[in-house]
N, C-alpha and C. Protein backbone atom coordinates (compact mmCIF):
# COMPACT_ATOMS: atom_id res chain seq x y z
N UNK A 1 46.48 25.02 -52.03
CA UNK A 1 45.87 23.65 -51.22
C UNK A 1 44.57 24.16 -50.49
N UNK A 2 43.28 23.51 -50.58
CA UNK A 2 42.32 23.78 -49.87
C UNK A 2 42.23 23.34 -48.47
N UNK A 3 41.40 24.23 -47.67
CA UNK A 3 41.71 24.17 -46.41
C UNK A 3 40.81 22.70 -45.95
N UNK A 4 40.29 22.42 -46.70
CA UNK A 4 39.48 20.88 -46.30
C UNK A 4 40.20 19.74 -46.95
N UNK A 5 41.11 20.08 -47.86
CA UNK A 5 42.12 18.95 -48.45
C UNK A 5 43.64 18.93 -47.10
N UNK A 6 43.62 20.47 -46.66
CA UNK A 6 44.83 20.13 -45.55
C UNK A 6 44.45 19.38 -44.54
N UNK A 7 42.88 19.66 -43.80
CA UNK A 7 42.38 19.05 -42.98
C UNK A 7 42.29 17.60 -43.02
N UNK A 8 41.94 17.20 -44.21
CA UNK A 8 41.84 15.69 -44.51
C UNK A 8 43.22 14.96 -44.34
N UNK A 9 44.21 15.47 -45.09
CA UNK A 9 45.51 15.16 -44.84
C UNK A 9 46.12 14.91 -43.28
N UNK A 10 45.85 16.07 -42.65
CA UNK A 10 46.41 15.95 -41.44
C UNK A 10 45.78 14.99 -40.55
N UNK A 11 44.29 14.78 -40.61
CA UNK A 11 43.26 13.59 -40.05
C UNK A 11 43.84 12.25 -40.48
N UNK A 12 44.39 11.94 -41.80
CA UNK A 12 45.00 10.76 -42.40
C UNK A 12 46.49 10.70 -41.83
N UNK A 13 46.97 11.77 -41.72
CA UNK A 13 48.32 11.54 -41.07
C UNK A 13 48.24 11.45 -39.76
N UNK A 14 47.53 11.78 -38.93
CA UNK A 14 47.39 11.32 -37.56
C UNK A 14 46.72 9.87 -37.28
N UNK A 15 45.99 9.63 -38.42
CA UNK A 15 45.47 8.27 -38.31
C UNK A 15 46.38 7.29 -38.41
N UNK A 16 47.26 7.12 -39.56
CA UNK A 16 48.40 6.44 -39.65
C UNK A 16 49.32 6.47 -38.63
N UNK A 17 49.68 7.38 -38.02
CA UNK A 17 50.57 7.68 -37.00
C UNK A 17 50.27 6.52 -35.90
N UNK A 18 48.82 6.91 -35.37
CA UNK A 18 48.23 6.04 -34.39
C UNK A 18 48.40 4.59 -34.55
N UNK A 19 48.06 4.44 -35.79
CA UNK A 19 47.90 2.81 -36.42
C UNK A 19 49.50 2.45 -36.45
N UNK A 20 50.57 3.11 -36.75
CA UNK A 20 51.80 2.64 -36.61
C UNK A 20 52.22 2.50 -35.11
N UNK A 21 51.95 3.20 -34.31
CA UNK A 21 52.15 2.87 -32.83
C UNK A 21 51.67 1.78 -32.53
N UNK A 22 50.43 1.76 -32.66
CA UNK A 22 49.77 0.29 -32.39
C UNK A 22 50.32 -0.88 -32.53
N UNK A 23 50.45 -0.79 -34.05
CA UNK A 23 51.08 -2.05 -34.87
C UNK A 23 52.51 -2.20 -34.21
N UNK A 24 53.37 -1.10 -33.97
CA UNK A 24 54.71 -1.48 -33.37
C UNK A 24 54.69 -1.98 -31.82
N UNK A 25 53.70 -1.61 -31.14
CA UNK A 25 53.38 -2.14 -29.72
C UNK A 25 52.96 -3.70 -29.94
N UNK A 26 51.93 -3.88 -31.07
CA UNK A 26 51.67 -5.21 -31.24
C UNK A 26 52.81 -6.07 -31.70
N UNK A 27 53.66 -5.63 -32.52
CA UNK A 27 54.96 -6.40 -33.12
C UNK A 27 55.49 -6.90 -31.94
N UNK A 28 56.08 -5.77 -31.15
CA UNK A 28 56.88 -6.06 -30.05
C UNK A 28 56.40 -7.25 -29.18
N UNK A 29 55.50 -7.12 -28.69
CA UNK A 29 54.56 -7.83 -27.74
C UNK A 29 54.64 -9.46 -28.52
N UNK A 30 54.11 -9.60 -29.62
CA UNK A 30 53.69 -10.78 -30.21
C UNK A 30 55.22 -11.27 -30.75
N UNK A 31 56.07 -10.73 -31.25
CA UNK A 31 57.36 -11.28 -31.57
C UNK A 31 58.18 -11.11 -30.64
N UNK A 32 58.39 -9.89 -30.21
CA UNK A 32 59.59 -9.62 -29.26
C UNK A 32 59.39 -10.50 -27.86
N UNK A 33 58.26 -10.32 -27.19
CA UNK A 33 58.44 -10.69 -25.84
C UNK A 33 58.10 -12.32 -25.86
N UNK A 34 57.35 -12.68 -26.83
CA UNK A 34 56.83 -14.23 -27.22
C UNK A 34 58.35 -15.06 -27.83
N UNK A 35 58.96 -14.26 -28.77
CA UNK A 35 60.00 -15.03 -29.25
C UNK A 35 61.52 -14.63 -29.09
N UNK A 36 61.96 -13.27 -29.34
CA UNK A 36 62.95 -12.77 -29.44
C UNK A 36 63.75 -12.97 -27.72
N UNK A 37 62.81 -12.42 -26.83
CA UNK A 37 63.33 -12.07 -25.76
C UNK A 37 62.69 -13.24 -24.53
N UNK A 38 62.18 -14.27 -25.07
CA UNK A 38 61.73 -15.07 -24.40
C UNK A 38 62.72 -15.84 -23.27
N UNK A 39 63.74 -16.12 -23.69
CA UNK A 39 65.08 -16.33 -22.86
C UNK A 39 65.12 -15.66 -21.35
N UNK A 40 65.24 -14.29 -21.66
CA UNK A 40 65.35 -13.53 -20.44
C UNK A 40 64.14 -13.22 -19.66
N UNK A 41 62.95 -13.42 -20.47
CA UNK A 41 61.78 -13.28 -19.98
C UNK A 41 61.42 -14.61 -18.82
N UNK A 42 62.11 -15.58 -19.34
CA UNK A 42 61.50 -17.01 -18.66
C UNK A 42 62.43 -16.91 -17.38
N UNK A 43 63.45 -16.07 -17.08
CA UNK A 43 64.16 -16.26 -15.36
C UNK A 43 63.26 -15.44 -14.41
N UNK A 44 61.94 -14.81 -15.28
CA UNK A 44 60.85 -14.08 -14.10
C UNK A 44 59.75 -15.22 -14.13
N UNK A 45 59.18 -15.44 -13.03
CA UNK A 45 57.99 -16.45 -12.75
C UNK A 45 56.74 -15.41 -12.65
N UNK A 46 55.72 -15.63 -13.30
CA UNK A 46 54.26 -14.94 -12.92
C UNK A 46 53.40 -16.00 -12.79
N UNK A 47 52.75 -16.08 -11.71
CA UNK A 47 51.71 -17.05 -11.55
C UNK A 47 52.44 -18.50 -11.54
N UNK A 48 53.47 -18.93 -11.32
CA UNK A 48 53.90 -20.10 -11.44
C UNK A 48 54.83 -20.49 -12.62
N UNK A 49 54.64 -19.67 -13.43
CA UNK A 49 54.88 -20.05 -14.72
C UNK A 49 56.06 -19.05 -15.54
N UNK A 50 56.95 -19.40 -16.31
CA UNK A 50 58.05 -18.46 -16.74
C UNK A 50 57.33 -17.28 -17.65
N UNK A 51 57.70 -15.88 -17.60
CA UNK A 51 56.93 -14.73 -17.97
C UNK A 51 56.91 -14.85 -19.62
N UNK A 52 58.18 -15.43 -20.05
CA UNK A 52 58.13 -15.72 -21.62
C UNK A 52 56.93 -16.54 -21.96
N UNK A 53 56.66 -17.66 -21.51
CA UNK A 53 55.67 -18.52 -21.73
C UNK A 53 54.20 -18.15 -21.57
N UNK A 54 54.11 -17.23 -20.52
CA UNK A 54 52.84 -16.55 -20.13
C UNK A 54 52.64 -15.52 -21.20
N UNK A 55 53.58 -14.76 -21.83
CA UNK A 55 53.59 -13.77 -22.63
C UNK A 55 53.06 -14.70 -24.22
N UNK A 56 53.42 -15.55 -24.40
CA UNK A 56 53.27 -16.32 -25.58
C UNK A 56 52.09 -16.64 -25.39
N UNK A 57 51.35 -17.29 -24.43
CA UNK A 57 50.39 -18.03 -24.10
C UNK A 57 48.84 -17.05 -23.81
N UNK A 58 49.41 -16.10 -23.03
CA UNK A 58 48.05 -15.37 -22.52
C UNK A 58 48.30 -13.75 -22.53
N UNK A 59 49.70 -13.33 -22.04
CA UNK A 59 49.75 -11.89 -21.99
C UNK A 59 49.75 -11.38 -23.52
N UNK A 60 50.07 -11.79 -24.66
CA UNK A 60 49.61 -11.42 -25.74
C UNK A 60 47.99 -11.22 -25.84
N UNK A 61 47.63 -11.78 -25.53
CA UNK A 61 45.83 -11.81 -25.87
C UNK A 61 45.59 -10.58 -25.09
N UNK A 62 45.87 -10.18 -23.55
CA UNK A 62 45.54 -9.34 -22.72
C UNK A 62 46.00 -7.89 -23.68
N UNK A 63 47.00 -7.76 -24.19
CA UNK A 63 47.83 -6.70 -24.59
C UNK A 63 47.01 -6.41 -26.13
N UNK A 64 46.64 -7.20 -26.59
CA UNK A 64 45.77 -7.25 -27.87
C UNK A 64 44.42 -6.48 -27.59
N UNK A 65 43.79 -6.86 -26.35
CA UNK A 65 42.24 -6.33 -26.04
C UNK A 65 42.70 -4.99 -25.71
N UNK A 66 43.64 -4.96 -24.79
CA UNK A 66 43.96 -3.42 -24.42
C UNK A 66 44.42 -2.50 -25.47
N UNK A 67 44.77 -2.97 -26.50
CA UNK A 67 45.22 -2.20 -27.98
C UNK A 67 43.97 -1.72 -28.67
N UNK A 68 43.12 -2.87 -28.68
CA UNK A 68 41.75 -2.49 -29.09
C UNK A 68 41.05 -1.14 -28.49
N UNK A 69 41.01 -1.03 -26.84
CA UNK A 69 40.40 -0.16 -26.40
C UNK A 69 41.10 1.28 -26.38
N UNK A 70 42.43 0.95 -26.23
CA UNK A 70 43.19 2.25 -26.74
C UNK A 70 42.76 2.76 -28.15
N UNK A 71 43.01 1.98 -29.13
CA UNK A 71 42.74 2.29 -30.47
C UNK A 71 41.31 3.26 -30.50
N UNK A 72 40.35 2.21 -29.97
CA UNK A 72 39.00 3.20 -30.10
C UNK A 72 38.96 4.50 -29.44
N UNK A 73 39.63 4.41 -28.19
CA UNK A 73 39.40 5.74 -27.54
C UNK A 73 40.20 6.86 -28.27
N UNK A 74 41.46 6.64 -28.78
CA UNK A 74 42.00 7.46 -29.45
C UNK A 74 41.27 7.97 -30.94
N UNK A 75 40.79 6.92 -31.37
CA UNK A 75 40.26 7.20 -32.71
C UNK A 75 38.88 7.91 -32.35
N UNK A 76 38.21 7.99 -31.46
CA UNK A 76 37.19 8.59 -31.17
C UNK A 76 37.51 9.96 -31.07
N UNK A 77 38.60 10.28 -30.19
CA UNK A 77 39.24 11.50 -29.93
C UNK A 77 39.47 12.30 -31.61
N UNK A 78 40.32 11.52 -32.23
CA UNK A 78 40.66 12.10 -33.30
C UNK A 78 39.40 12.23 -34.19
N UNK A 79 38.44 11.86 -34.54
CA UNK A 79 37.48 11.95 -34.80
C UNK A 79 36.64 13.36 -34.71
N UNK A 80 36.48 13.48 -33.37
CA UNK A 80 35.84 14.62 -32.82
C UNK A 80 36.95 15.82 -33.13
N UNK A 81 38.01 15.69 -33.26
CA UNK A 81 38.94 16.79 -33.26
C UNK A 81 38.58 17.01 -34.57
N UNK A 82 38.67 16.43 -35.65
CA UNK A 82 38.44 16.51 -37.02
C UNK A 82 37.05 16.67 -37.51
N UNK A 83 36.29 16.55 -36.70
CA UNK A 83 34.60 16.60 -36.52
C UNK A 83 34.24 15.44 -38.05
N UNK A 84 34.72 14.37 -37.60
CA UNK A 84 34.33 13.37 -38.75
C UNK A 84 33.69 12.41 -37.98
N UNK A 85 33.13 12.66 -36.87
CA UNK A 85 32.50 11.25 -36.08
C UNK A 85 31.06 11.24 -36.49
N UNK A 86 30.51 9.99 -36.08
CA UNK A 86 29.02 10.10 -36.33
C UNK A 86 28.29 10.80 -35.14
N UNK A 87 27.27 11.30 -35.62
CA UNK A 87 26.31 12.18 -34.78
C UNK A 87 25.39 10.82 -34.21
N UNK A 88 24.94 10.89 -32.85
CA UNK A 88 24.04 9.79 -32.39
C UNK A 88 22.83 10.49 -32.07
N UNK A 89 21.48 10.33 -32.19
CA UNK A 89 20.54 11.03 -31.90
C UNK A 89 20.27 10.79 -30.43
N UNK A 90 19.89 11.86 -30.01
CA UNK A 90 19.80 11.83 -28.41
C UNK A 90 20.64 11.96 -27.60
N UNK A 91 22.08 12.02 -27.88
CA UNK A 91 23.08 12.22 -27.52
C UNK A 91 23.88 13.42 -27.84
N UNK A 92 24.12 14.42 -26.78
CA UNK A 92 24.89 15.71 -27.02
C UNK A 92 26.12 15.66 -26.66
N UNK A 93 26.63 16.89 -27.32
CA UNK A 93 28.55 16.87 -27.31
C UNK A 93 28.49 17.71 -26.21
């Protein structure tokens, strides 16, 4: 196998691994915290509302936004590691 093919496979493996982790967190927050564990979470209040309700209505959105920033940060690092990032004029590495 050529060195470029190994590099490409490694890049895609790490990309899929990151996506798997992000999607797992997304699933646990949206399905787990909002549906499965809602009774246990409702015993805790946050801002006057049960925590399970808060996750279902607002908390999941905050987690999704955080996941977007986490994804972009780690993908940027991964792209630079494998030298597949876009070069921008006027910006030096």
